[in-house]
Amino acid sequence: QVQLVESGGGLVQPGNSLRLSCAASGFNLKNYAIAWFRQAPGKEREGLSCVSISEARTYYTDPVKGRFTISRDNAKNMVYLQMNKLEPEDTGVYYCAADSRLVACLPEYGMRSDYDHWGQGTQVTVSS
C-alpha cells in the first residue's frame, strides 16, 4: 500500500525557515517522481516543486524559485522541502505527491498536477 506522510509544518514568522519531510512507504521512492504542492485558503492547489525519477533533476515554480529546495533520500525513502525566506503568502496546506510516470516531472517542461499518490498534508502558517 502506497503511503505518503508529511510532517514538519507549523507556525513560523516571516523571513524564517522551515523544513518539511515526507515519508514514503509501500513503494520504492527511487522509481517515482516526487512533488510538493500547496493549497492556500480559498485558492486552488498549486504545484511548487518536483524532482524527476532519473538523475533526480529538480524543477521549481516561480513563486518559490530561489527560496525553496526539494531533495530526496532514496535510501531512507524520504523527501524534503527546505523553505527559506518564508512569506505570509506561503501559508497553506502542503502536500507531497508521487507518480511513476516520467512525464510527472520533466524540468525542461514543468510538472504535472495529476499525481497518482498523495499525502494527507501538513499546515504551514507564516505570520508575525
N, C-alpha and C. Protein backbone atom coordinates (compact mmCIF):
# COMPACT_ATOMS: atom_id res chain seq x y z
N GLN A 1 0.85 -1.20 0.00
CA GLN A 1 0.00 0.00 0.00
C GLN A 1 0.88 1.24 0.00
N VAL A 2 0.70 2.04 -1.03
CA VAL A 2 1.48 3.27 -1.14
C VAL A 2 0.99 4.29 -0.12
N GLN A 3 1.91 4.83 0.63
CA GLN A 3 1.54 5.83 1.63
C GLN A 3 2.59 6.93 1.69
N LEU A 4 2.11 8.16 1.81
CA LEU A 4 2.97 9.33 1.97
C LEU A 4 2.50 10.09 3.20
N VAL A 5 3.43 10.41 4.07
CA VAL A 5 3.08 11.11 5.30
C VAL A 5 3.98 12.33 5.46
N GLU A 6 3.35 13.51 5.43
CA GLU A 6 4.11 14.75 5.59
C GLU A 6 4.24 15.11 7.06
N SER A 7 5.28 15.84 7.37
CA SER A 7 5.47 16.36 8.71
C SER A 7 6.36 17.60 8.64
N GLY A 8 6.41 18.33 9.76
CA GLY A 8 7.29 19.48 9.82
C GLY A 8 6.60 20.83 9.69
N GLY A 9 5.31 20.82 9.46
CA GLY A 9 4.59 22.09 9.35
C GLY A 9 4.46 22.77 10.71
N GLY A 10 3.99 24.01 10.68
CA GLY A 10 3.81 24.75 11.91
C GLY A 10 3.66 26.22 11.66
N LEU A 11 3.77 26.98 12.73
CA LEU A 11 3.69 28.43 12.67
C LEU A 11 5.10 29.01 12.66
N VAL A 12 5.35 29.89 11.73
CA VAL A 12 6.68 30.48 11.60
C VAL A 12 6.54 31.96 11.25
N GLN A 13 7.48 32.75 11.70
CA GLN A 13 7.44 34.17 11.40
C GLN A 13 7.98 34.45 9.99
N PRO A 14 7.51 35.51 9.37
CA PRO A 14 8.03 35.88 8.05
C PRO A 14 9.54 36.04 8.06
N GLY A 15 10.17 35.55 7.01
CA GLY A 15 11.62 35.63 6.90
C GLY A 15 12.35 34.42 7.44
N ASN A 16 11.65 33.61 8.22
CA ASN A 16 12.27 32.43 8.81
C ASN A 16 12.17 31.22 7.88
N SER A 17 12.72 30.10 8.35
CA SER A 17 12.78 28.89 7.54
C SER A 17 12.03 27.74 8.20
N LEU A 18 11.71 26.76 7.38
CA LEU A 18 11.03 25.56 7.84
C LEU A 18 11.39 24.43 6.89
N ARG A 19 11.53 23.23 7.41
CA ARG A 19 11.78 22.09 6.54
C ARG A 19 10.66 21.07 6.69
N LEU A 20 10.05 20.75 5.59
CA LEU A 20 9.02 19.72 5.56
C LEU A 20 9.64 18.39 5.17
N SER A 21 9.08 17.33 5.73
CA SER A 21 9.52 15.98 5.40
C SER A 21 8.34 15.18 4.88
N CYS A 22 8.64 14.23 4.04
CA CYS A 22 7.61 13.33 3.52
C CYS A 22 8.17 11.92 3.56
N ALA A 23 7.56 11.08 4.36
CA ALA A 23 7.97 9.69 4.50
C ALA A 23 7.14 8.82 3.56
N ALA A 24 7.83 8.07 2.72
CA ALA A 24 7.16 7.20 1.76
C ALA A 24 7.25 5.76 2.21
N SER A 25 6.18 5.02 2.03
CA SER A 25 6.19 3.60 2.35
C SER A 25 5.32 2.86 1.34
N GLY A 26 5.62 1.56 1.19
CA GLY A 26 4.85 0.74 0.28
C GLY A 26 5.33 0.77 -1.16
N PHE A 27 6.36 1.55 -1.42
CA PHE A 27 6.92 1.58 -2.76
C PHE A 27 8.35 2.09 -2.68
N ASN A 28 9.11 1.87 -3.75
CA ASN A 28 10.50 2.31 -3.79
C ASN A 28 10.56 3.71 -4.38
N LEU A 29 10.94 4.63 -3.54
CA LEU A 29 10.89 6.05 -3.91
C LEU A 29 11.71 6.36 -5.16
N LYS A 30 12.79 5.64 -5.37
CA LYS A 30 13.69 5.98 -6.48
C LYS A 30 13.03 5.78 -7.84
N ASN A 31 11.93 5.06 -7.88
CA ASN A 31 11.24 4.81 -9.14
C ASN A 31 10.09 5.77 -9.40
N TYR A 32 10.01 6.82 -8.58
CA TYR A 32 8.91 7.76 -8.68
C TYR A 32 9.40 9.20 -8.76
N ALA A 33 8.67 9.98 -9.52
CA ALA A 33 8.83 11.42 -9.43
C ALA A 33 8.09 11.88 -8.16
N ILE A 34 8.67 12.85 -7.48
CA ILE A 34 8.09 13.34 -6.24
C ILE A 34 7.88 14.85 -6.37
N ALA A 35 6.79 15.31 -5.81
CA ALA A 35 6.49 16.74 -5.91
C ALA A 35 5.91 17.25 -4.61
N TRP A 36 6.00 18.57 -4.47
CA TRP A 36 5.33 19.27 -3.37
C TRP A 36 4.31 20.23 -3.97
N PHE A 37 3.14 20.22 -3.38
CA PHE A 37 2.07 21.13 -3.75
C PHE A 37 1.61 21.86 -2.48
N ARG A 38 0.88 22.93 -2.67
CA ARG A 38 0.26 23.57 -1.52
C ARG A 38 -1.11 24.12 -1.93
N GLN A 39 -1.96 24.25 -0.93
CA GLN A 39 -3.27 24.86 -1.15
C GLN A 39 -3.47 25.94 -0.11
N ALA A 40 -3.51 27.17 -0.58
CA ALA A 40 -3.74 28.30 0.31
C ALA A 40 -5.24 28.45 0.55
N PRO A 41 -5.62 29.08 1.64
CA PRO A 41 -7.05 29.28 1.94
C PRO A 41 -7.77 29.96 0.79
N GLY A 42 -8.84 29.35 0.35
CA GLY A 42 -9.65 29.95 -0.71
C GLY A 42 -9.07 29.86 -2.10
N LYS A 43 -7.96 29.14 -2.25
CA LYS A 43 -7.32 29.04 -3.56
C LYS A 43 -7.20 27.59 -3.99
N GLU A 44 -6.95 27.41 -5.27
CA GLU A 44 -6.74 26.07 -5.78
C GLU A 44 -5.34 25.57 -5.41
N ARG A 45 -5.22 24.26 -5.40
CA ARG A 45 -3.92 23.66 -5.12
C ARG A 45 -2.94 24.01 -6.24
N GLU A 46 -1.72 24.34 -5.89
CA GLU A 46 -0.72 24.71 -6.88
C GLU A 46 0.55 23.88 -6.68
N GLY A 47 1.20 23.58 -7.80
CA GLY A 47 2.46 22.88 -7.73
C GLY A 47 3.58 23.82 -7.36
N LEU A 48 4.53 23.33 -6.58
CA LEU A 48 5.65 24.14 -6.13
C LEU A 48 6.98 23.65 -6.70
N SER A 49 7.19 22.36 -6.61
CA SER A 49 8.49 21.83 -6.98
C SER A 49 8.37 20.33 -7.20
N CYS A 50 9.26 19.80 -8.03
CA CYS A 50 9.30 18.36 -8.21
C CYS A 50 10.73 17.91 -8.47
N VAL A 51 10.94 16.63 -8.25
CA VAL A 51 12.24 16.02 -8.56
C VAL A 51 11.97 14.81 -9.42
N SER A 52 12.69 14.71 -10.51
CA SER A 52 12.42 13.67 -11.50
C SER A 52 12.90 12.31 -11.05
N ILE A 53 12.44 11.29 -11.79
CA ILE A 53 12.82 9.92 -11.46
C ILE A 53 14.31 9.71 -11.77
N SER A 54 14.68 9.95 -12.99
CA SER A 54 16.06 9.71 -13.39
C SER A 54 16.90 10.95 -13.16
N GLU A 55 18.05 10.77 -12.67
CA GLU A 55 19.03 11.84 -12.44
C GLU A 55 18.61 12.82 -11.35
N ALA A 56 17.44 12.62 -10.78
CA ALA A 56 16.98 13.47 -9.67
C ALA A 56 17.10 14.95 -10.00
N ARG A 57 16.69 15.33 -11.20
CA ARG A 57 16.70 16.74 -11.55
C ARG A 57 15.50 17.42 -10.93
N THR A 58 15.66 18.71 -10.64
CA THR A 58 14.63 19.43 -9.92
C THR A 58 14.00 20.54 -10.76
N TYR A 59 12.80 20.87 -10.36
CA TYR A 59 12.05 21.94 -11.03
C TYR A 59 11.33 22.75 -9.97
N TYR A 60 11.28 24.05 -10.16
CA TYR A 60 10.60 24.94 -9.22
C TYR A 60 9.70 25.91 -9.97
N THR A 61 8.56 26.17 -9.39
CA THR A 61 7.69 27.18 -9.96
C THR A 61 8.16 28.56 -9.50
N ASP A 62 7.74 29.58 -10.21
CA ASP A 62 8.25 30.93 -9.95
C ASP A 62 8.04 31.42 -8.51
N PRO A 63 6.89 31.14 -7.88
CA PRO A 63 6.69 31.67 -6.52
C PRO A 63 7.73 31.19 -5.49
N VAL A 64 8.36 30.05 -5.75
CA VAL A 64 9.27 29.51 -4.75
C VAL A 64 10.71 29.39 -5.23
N LYS A 65 10.93 29.70 -6.49
CA LYS A 65 12.27 29.57 -7.05
C LYS A 65 13.25 30.47 -6.30
N GLY A 66 14.36 29.90 -5.89
CA GLY A 66 15.36 30.65 -5.15
C GLY A 66 15.17 30.64 -3.64
N ARG A 67 13.99 30.20 -3.20
CA ARG A 67 13.73 30.17 -1.76
C ARG A 67 13.54 28.75 -1.22
N PHE A 68 12.96 27.88 -2.03
CA PHE A 68 12.68 26.52 -1.61
C PHE A 68 13.64 25.56 -2.31
N THR A 69 13.96 24.46 -1.61
CA THR A 69 14.81 23.43 -2.18
C THR A 69 14.20 22.06 -1.91
N ILE A 70 13.99 21.30 -2.96
CA ILE A 70 13.47 19.95 -2.82
C ILE A 70 14.64 18.97 -2.87
N SER A 71 14.54 17.92 -2.08
CA SER A 71 15.58 16.89 -2.10
C SER A 71 14.95 15.55 -1.75
N ARG A 72 15.66 14.50 -2.14
CA ARG A 72 15.17 13.17 -1.84
C ARG A 72 16.30 12.32 -1.32
N ASP A 73 15.97 11.42 -0.40
CA ASP A 73 16.92 10.45 0.12
C ASP A 73 16.33 9.08 -0.17
N ASN A 74 16.75 8.50 -1.28
CA ASN A 74 16.17 7.23 -1.69
C ASN A 74 16.45 6.11 -0.69
N ALA A 75 17.59 6.17 -0.04
CA ALA A 75 17.94 5.12 0.92
C ALA A 75 16.97 5.12 2.11
N LYS A 76 16.51 6.31 2.48
CA LYS A 76 15.59 6.42 3.61
C LYS A 76 14.13 6.51 3.16
N ASN A 77 13.94 6.55 1.84
CA ASN A 77 12.58 6.72 1.31
C ASN A 77 11.94 8.01 1.83
N MET A 78 12.72 9.08 1.81
CA MET A 78 12.26 10.36 2.34
C MET A 78 12.42 11.46 1.28
N VAL A 79 11.53 12.43 1.35
CA VAL A 79 11.60 13.61 0.51
C VAL A 79 11.50 14.82 1.43
N TYR A 80 12.21 15.87 1.07
CA TYR A 80 12.23 17.06 1.92
C TYR A 80 11.93 18.30 1.09
N LEU A 81 11.43 19.31 1.78
CA LEU A 81 11.27 20.63 1.16
C LEU A 81 11.81 21.65 2.16
N GLN A 82 12.96 22.19 1.86
CA GLN A 82 13.54 23.24 2.67
C GLN A 82 12.98 24.57 2.20
N MET A 83 12.36 25.29 3.11
CA MET A 83 11.70 26.55 2.76
C MET A 83 12.37 27.69 3.51
N ASN A 84 12.96 28.60 2.78
CA ASN A 84 13.65 29.76 3.37
C ASN A 84 12.92 31.04 3.00
N LYS A 85 13.22 32.09 3.76
CA LYS A 85 12.63 33.40 3.50
C LYS A 85 11.12 33.31 3.33
N LEU A 86 10.49 32.66 4.25
CA LEU A 86 9.05 32.44 4.16
C LEU A 86 8.28 33.76 4.23
N GLU A 87 7.19 33.79 3.49
CA GLU A 87 6.33 34.98 3.41
C GLU A 87 4.91 34.58 3.81
N PRO A 88 4.11 35.53 4.24
CA PRO A 88 2.72 35.21 4.60
C PRO A 88 1.98 34.51 3.45
N GLU A 89 2.35 34.83 2.22
CA GLU A 89 1.71 34.20 1.07
C GLU A 89 2.04 32.71 0.94
N ASP A 90 3.01 32.24 1.69
CA ASP A 90 3.35 30.82 1.67
C ASP A 90 2.44 30.00 2.59
N THR A 91 1.56 30.65 3.30
CA THR A 91 0.64 29.96 4.18
C THR A 91 -0.27 29.02 3.40
N GLY A 92 -0.44 27.81 3.93
CA GLY A 92 -1.32 26.85 3.26
C GLY A 92 -1.06 25.44 3.75
N VAL A 93 -1.79 24.52 3.20
CA VAL A 93 -1.56 23.10 3.47
C VAL A 93 -0.62 22.57 2.40
N TYR A 94 0.45 21.94 2.83
CA TYR A 94 1.47 21.44 1.93
C TYR A 94 1.33 19.92 1.78
N TYR A 95 1.36 19.48 0.54
CA TYR A 95 1.21 18.07 0.22
C TYR A 95 2.42 17.56 -0.55
N CYS A 96 2.84 16.35 -0.24
CA CYS A 96 3.78 15.69 -1.13
C CYS A 96 3.00 14.67 -1.96
N ALA A 97 3.53 14.40 -3.13
CA ALA A 97 2.86 13.51 -4.05
C ALA A 97 3.90 12.70 -4.83
N ALA A 98 3.49 11.53 -5.29
CA ALA A 98 4.39 10.65 -6.01
C ALA A 98 3.69 10.12 -7.26
N ASP A 99 4.49 9.93 -8.29
CA ASP A 99 3.94 9.42 -9.55
C ASP A 99 5.04 8.66 -10.29
N SER A 100 4.69 7.52 -10.86
CA SER A 100 5.69 6.67 -11.52
C SER A 100 5.97 7.07 -12.98
N ARG A 101 5.22 8.02 -13.50
CA ARG A 101 5.43 8.42 -14.89
C ARG A 101 6.59 9.40 -15.01
N LEU A 102 7.38 9.21 -16.02
CA LEU A 102 8.48 10.13 -16.28
C LEU A 102 7.97 11.55 -16.51
N VAL A 103 6.83 11.65 -17.18
CA VAL A 103 6.32 12.99 -17.52
C VAL A 103 5.82 13.76 -16.31
N ALA A 104 5.69 13.08 -15.17
CA ALA A 104 5.20 13.78 -13.98
C ALA A 104 6.12 14.92 -13.59
N CYS A 105 7.40 14.77 -13.87
CA CYS A 105 8.35 15.84 -13.58
C CYS A 105 9.45 15.82 -14.63
N LEU A 106 9.33 16.71 -15.57
CA LEU A 106 10.35 16.91 -16.58
C LEU A 106 10.79 18.36 -16.49
N PRO A 107 11.92 18.63 -15.85
CA PRO A 107 12.34 20.02 -15.61
C PRO A 107 12.33 20.90 -16.85
N GLU A 108 12.53 20.31 -18.04
CA GLU A 108 12.51 21.13 -19.25
C GLU A 108 11.11 21.63 -19.56
N TYR A 109 10.11 20.92 -19.08
CA TYR A 109 8.72 21.24 -19.43
C TYR A 109 7.85 21.61 -18.24
N GLY A 110 8.30 21.29 -17.04
CA GLY A 110 7.49 21.61 -15.88
C GLY A 110 7.01 20.37 -15.15
N MET A 111 5.99 20.54 -14.35
CA MET A 111 5.46 19.45 -13.55
C MET A 111 3.96 19.30 -13.78
N ARG A 112 3.52 18.06 -13.72
CA ARG A 112 2.10 17.82 -13.84
C ARG A 112 1.42 18.00 -12.49
N SER A 113 0.09 18.08 -12.51
CA SER A 113 -0.66 18.23 -11.27
C SER A 113 -1.45 16.97 -10.91
N ASP A 114 -1.52 16.03 -11.85
CA ASP A 114 -2.35 14.84 -11.63
C ASP A 114 -1.53 13.66 -11.12
N TYR A 115 -0.83 13.87 -10.02
CA TYR A 115 -0.02 12.81 -9.45
C TYR A 115 -0.91 11.68 -8.91
N ASP A 116 -0.34 10.47 -8.92
CA ASP A 116 -1.12 9.29 -8.53
C ASP A 116 -1.35 9.20 -7.02
N HIS A 117 -0.35 9.52 -6.25
CA HIS A 117 -0.41 9.26 -4.81
C HIS A 117 -0.15 10.55 -4.04
N TRP A 118 -0.93 10.73 -2.99
CA TRP A 118 -0.87 11.98 -2.22
C TRP A 118 -0.81 11.70 -0.73
N GLY A 119 -0.13 12.59 -0.02
CA GLY A 119 -0.16 12.55 1.42
C GLY A 119 -1.38 13.30 1.94
N GLN A 120 -1.51 13.36 3.25
CA GLN A 120 -2.68 13.99 3.86
C GLN A 120 -2.48 15.49 4.08
N GLY A 121 -1.25 15.95 3.95
CA GLY A 121 -0.96 17.38 4.06
C GLY A 121 -0.49 17.78 5.44
N THR A 122 0.26 18.88 5.47
CA THR A 122 0.71 19.46 6.73
C THR A 122 0.54 20.98 6.62
N GLN A 123 0.03 21.58 7.68
CA GLN A 123 -0.28 23.01 7.66
C GLN A 123 0.97 23.84 7.93
N VAL A 124 1.16 24.84 7.10
CA VAL A 124 2.22 25.84 7.31
C VAL A 124 1.55 27.20 7.40
N THR A 125 1.84 27.90 8.48
CA THR A 125 1.30 29.24 8.68
C THR A 125 2.45 30.20 8.89
N VAL A 126 2.51 31.22 8.05
CA VAL A 126 3.56 32.22 8.15
C VAL A 126 2.91 33.52 8.61
N SER A 127 3.21 33.88 9.83
CA SER A 127 2.56 35.05 10.42
C SER A 127 3.39 35.58 11.57
N SER A 128 3.33 36.88 11.75
CA SER A 128 4.02 37.50 12.87
C SER A 128 3.10 37.63 14.07
